[in-house]
Amino acid sequence: MYTLYDYLDSGNGYKIRLMLSQLQVGYRYVERDIMRGETRTNEFLARNPNGRIPVLEIEPGVHLAESNAILWYLAEGSPLAPASRWARAQTLQWMFFEQYSHEPFVATARFIIRHLSADHPRHAEVPRRQEQGRAALAIMDRHLDQHPYFVDDRYGIADIALYAYTHVAEEGGYDLSPYAHVQAWIRRVASLPNYVGLQQRPA
């Protein structure tokens, strides 16, 4: 059985929890509080030297880090995997977009607002990050104007990667009302079988 090392409020960890639920794959859940330094211990660093969650233990002593790499690993052989060479390339394109043009702005603004004190100097970053986050949301909205999902017009791992932080973007100070197609996509994802919420603690 897989073991997932995670932090409940993490969108990156949520990607994995959502996918495992939708694939109906059982796993053991181990929470590590990033705010208390629990991913910086020698024990955790032996699993992931980068000191970040999520980390998936595939079998004893075999660990995989980086949320999008874990998604790709779990998708192999499942209906969530892209079906063709072109679809695989498009999926990677959107997953790279998520990591470089979306997560650093949407997720980071949310982290600062939710987890750092009001007088923390990092709050000065929020306006610039929100501006770039809105640019990413606009790109997504234009794509979703023509497609129900991001690749091959069917739900897949690109959607999971982008959904995790987009559906809670308002917690980072974003107004999603200008992005009607993003909002419709969020509703579609939330209506899928075996959906779980970000704050839904695994059994």
Protein backbone atom coordinates (compact mmCIF):
# COMPACT_ATOMS: atom_id res chain seq x y z
CA MET A 1 0.00 0.00 0.00
CA TYR A 2 1.14 3.52 -0.79
CA THR A 3 1.98 5.95 1.99
CA LEU A 4 1.38 9.65 1.33
CA TYR A 5 3.31 12.20 3.39
CA ASP A 6 1.35 15.42 3.14
CA TYR A 7 0.00 18.59 4.76
CA LEU A 8 -3.78 18.91 4.66
CA ASP A 9 -3.90 22.55 3.50
CA SER A 10 -1.46 21.94 0.64
CA GLY A 11 -2.89 22.12 -2.85
CA ASN A 12 0.08 20.14 -4.13
CA GLY A 13 -0.71 17.36 -1.70
CA TYR A 14 -4.40 17.66 -2.53
CA LYS A 15 -3.63 16.80 -6.15
CA ILE A 16 -2.52 13.36 -5.00
CA ARG A 17 -5.38 12.85 -2.54
CA LEU A 18 -7.92 13.76 -5.22
CA MET A 19 -6.38 11.43 -7.78
CA LEU A 20 -6.07 8.49 -5.39
CA SER A 21 -9.71 8.95 -4.42
CA GLN A 22 -10.87 9.13 -8.02
CA LEU A 23 -8.87 6.03 -8.91
CA GLN A 24 -10.20 4.32 -5.77
CA VAL A 25 -6.69 3.42 -4.65
CA GLY A 26 -6.17 2.88 -0.94
CA TYR A 27 -3.25 4.49 0.86
CA ARG A 28 -1.91 5.38 4.28
CA TYR A 29 -1.92 9.09 5.10
CA VAL A 30 0.83 10.66 7.23
CA GLU A 31 0.53 14.38 7.93
CA ARG A 32 3.64 16.49 8.26
CA ASP A 33 3.07 20.08 9.42
CA ILE A 34 5.16 22.35 7.21
CA MET A 35 4.53 25.30 9.51
CA ARG A 36 6.21 23.47 12.40
CA GLY A 37 9.23 22.35 10.39
CA GLU A 38 8.20 18.70 10.25
CA THR A 39 9.50 18.36 6.68
CA ARG A 40 12.96 19.54 7.75
CA THR A 41 13.79 16.69 10.07
CA ASN A 42 16.48 14.18 9.19
CA GLU A 43 13.82 11.48 8.98
CA PHE A 44 11.82 13.38 6.39
CA LEU A 45 14.85 14.62 4.45
CA ALA A 46 15.86 10.99 3.99
CA ARG A 47 12.62 10.59 2.03
CA ASN A 48 12.88 13.87 0.13
CA PRO A 49 16.11 15.87 0.40
CA ASN A 50 14.20 18.92 -0.87
CA GLY A 51 12.18 18.94 2.34
CA ARG A 52 8.80 19.40 0.69
CA ILE A 53 5.49 17.60 0.59
CA PRO A 54 3.90 15.65 -0.94
CA VAL A 55 6.03 12.54 -0.94
CA LEU A 56 4.61 9.19 -2.03
CA GLU A 57 6.19 6.06 -0.61
CA ILE A 58 5.61 3.51 -3.36
CA GLU A 59 7.13 0.65 -1.42
CA PRO A 60 9.38 0.55 1.62
CA GLY A 61 12.41 2.74 0.94
CA VAL A 62 11.15 3.93 -2.47
CA HIS A 63 9.90 7.54 -2.45
CA LEU A 64 8.69 9.88 -5.16
CA ALA A 65 8.44 13.66 -4.66
CA GLU A 66 7.05 16.55 -6.75
CA SER A 67 3.27 16.52 -7.09
CA ASN A 68 3.11 16.47 -10.87
CA ALA A 69 5.61 13.63 -11.11
CA ILE A 70 3.48 11.67 -8.63
CA LEU A 71 0.36 12.37 -10.71
CA TRP A 72 2.10 11.07 -13.81
CA TYR A 73 3.26 7.93 -11.99
CA LEU A 74 -0.21 7.17 -10.63
CA ALA A 75 -1.92 7.85 -13.95
CA GLU A 76 -0.04 5.14 -15.84
CA GLY A 77 -2.53 2.57 -17.08
CA SER A 78 -5.54 4.50 -15.76
CA PRO A 79 -8.31 6.41 -17.57
CA LEU A 80 -6.73 9.66 -16.34
CA ALA A 81 -3.58 9.14 -18.41
CA PRO A 82 -3.30 10.95 -21.76
CA ALA A 83 -4.04 8.52 -24.57
CA SER A 84 -1.77 9.66 -27.41
CA ARG A 85 1.65 11.13 -28.00
CA TRP A 86 0.06 14.52 -28.74
CA ALA A 87 -2.16 14.35 -25.65
CA ARG A 88 0.87 13.47 -23.52
CA ALA A 89 2.73 16.50 -24.84
CA GLN A 90 -0.27 18.77 -24.24
CA THR A 91 -0.66 17.40 -20.72
CA LEU A 92 2.97 18.17 -19.96
CA GLN A 93 2.52 21.63 -21.47
CA TRP A 94 -0.30 22.43 -19.03
CA MET A 95 1.53 20.85 -16.10
CA PHE A 96 4.60 23.00 -16.81
CA PHE A 97 2.28 25.99 -17.11
CA GLU A 98 0.85 25.13 -13.69
CA GLN A 99 4.28 25.01 -12.09
CA TYR A 100 5.79 28.09 -13.76
CA SER A 101 2.90 30.46 -14.55
CA HIS A 102 0.16 29.51 -12.08
CA GLU A 103 1.33 27.94 -8.81
CA PRO A 104 4.00 30.56 -7.96
CA PHE A 105 1.33 33.26 -8.05
CA VAL A 106 -2.07 31.74 -7.21
CA ALA A 107 -0.76 29.32 -4.60
CA THR A 108 1.85 31.63 -3.10
CA ALA A 109 -0.60 34.51 -2.64
CA ARG A 110 -2.93 32.08 -0.87
CA PHE A 111 -0.12 30.82 1.37
CA ILE A 112 0.93 34.33 2.39
CA ILE A 113 -2.62 35.41 3.18
CA ARG A 114 -3.61 32.21 5.00
CA HIS A 115 -0.47 31.32 6.87
CA LEU A 116 1.62 34.43 7.52
CA SER A 117 0.85 37.15 10.04
CA ALA A 118 -0.63 40.39 8.73
CA ASP A 119 2.61 42.27 9.45
CA HIS A 120 4.85 39.72 7.74
CA PRO A 121 7.05 41.42 5.10
CA ARG A 122 6.05 38.88 2.46
CA HIS A 123 2.60 40.52 2.22
CA ALA A 124 4.31 43.13 0.06
CA GLU A 125 4.62 40.43 -2.63
CA VAL A 126 0.88 39.79 -2.87
CA PRO A 127 -0.19 42.52 -5.37
CA ARG A 128 2.45 41.52 -7.92
CA ARG A 129 1.72 37.83 -7.48
CA GLN A 130 -2.00 38.43 -7.86
CA GLU A 131 -1.43 40.37 -11.07
CA GLN A 132 0.49 37.46 -12.57
CA GLY A 133 -2.01 34.98 -11.19
CA ARG A 134 -4.84 36.82 -12.94
CA ALA A 135 -2.91 36.55 -16.20
CA ALA A 136 -2.71 32.76 -15.73
CA LEU A 137 -6.42 32.54 -14.95
CA ALA A 138 -7.21 34.52 -18.11
CA ILE A 139 -5.20 32.05 -20.21
CA MET A 140 -7.08 29.16 -18.64
CA ASP A 141 -10.41 30.88 -19.18
CA ARG A 142 -9.75 31.40 -22.89
CA HIS A 143 -8.87 27.73 -23.31
CA LEU A 144 -11.91 26.55 -21.36
CA ASP A 145 -14.16 28.73 -23.52
CA GLN A 146 -13.56 26.15 -26.26
CA HIS A 147 -12.99 22.95 -24.25
CA PRO A 148 -14.65 21.29 -21.24
CA TYR A 149 -11.27 20.10 -19.94
CA PHE A 150 -7.65 20.90 -20.70
CA VAL A 151 -6.58 17.99 -22.92
CA ASP A 152 -8.55 15.87 -25.40
CA ASP A 153 -11.82 17.33 -24.07
CA ARG A 154 -11.76 14.80 -21.25
CA TYR A 155 -10.81 14.96 -17.60
CA GLY A 156 -7.21 14.02 -16.89
CA ILE A 157 -4.12 14.80 -14.88
CA ALA A 158 -3.67 18.27 -16.38
CA ASP A 159 -7.04 19.17 -14.86
CA ILE A 160 -6.06 17.81 -11.46
CA ALA A 161 -2.80 19.77 -11.52
CA LEU A 162 -4.57 23.04 -12.31
CA TYR A 163 -7.69 22.47 -10.23
CA ALA A 164 -5.92 22.12 -6.89
CA TYR A 165 -5.06 25.77 -6.35
CA THR A 166 -7.53 27.32 -8.81
CA HIS A 167 -10.63 26.19 -6.93
CA VAL A 168 -9.37 27.88 -3.74
CA ALA A 169 -7.91 30.94 -5.47
CA GLU A 170 -10.37 33.21 -3.65
CA GLU A 171 -8.46 32.33 -0.44
CA GLY A 172 -5.52 34.10 -2.07
CA GLY A 173 -7.52 37.25 -2.71
CA TYR A 174 -8.58 36.40 -6.26
CA ASP A 175 -12.00 37.27 -7.64
CA LEU A 176 -13.03 34.44 -9.95
CA SER A 177 -16.17 36.17 -11.23
CA PRO A 178 -14.44 37.45 -14.42
CA TYR A 179 -13.54 33.86 -15.38
CA ALA A 180 -16.88 32.24 -16.17
CA HIS A 181 -15.36 29.30 -18.03
CA VAL A 182 -12.96 28.57 -15.19
CA GLN A 183 -15.88 28.64 -12.77
CA ALA A 184 -17.87 26.21 -14.94
CA TRP A 185 -14.86 23.88 -15.12
CA ILE A 186 -14.47 24.01 -11.34
CA ARG A 187 -18.10 22.91 -11.00
CA ARG A 188 -17.58 20.09 -13.51
CA VAL A 189 -14.58 18.74 -11.63
CA ALA A 190 -16.37 18.95 -8.28
CA SER A 191 -19.28 16.91 -9.67
CA LEU A 192 -17.12 13.97 -10.79
CA PRO A 193 -17.39 10.57 -9.04
CA ASN A 194 -15.22 10.00 -5.97
CA TYR A 195 -14.44 13.69 -5.60
CA VAL A 196 -12.95 14.81 -2.28
CA GLY A 197 -12.40 18.33 -0.99
CA LEU A 198 -9.07 19.88 -0.13
CA GLN A 199 -9.79 19.97 3.60
CA GLN A 200 -11.35 16.49 3.66
CA ARG A 201 -9.06 14.48 5.90
CA PRO A 202 -8.35 10.98 4.54
CA ALA A 203 -9.71 8.10 6.59
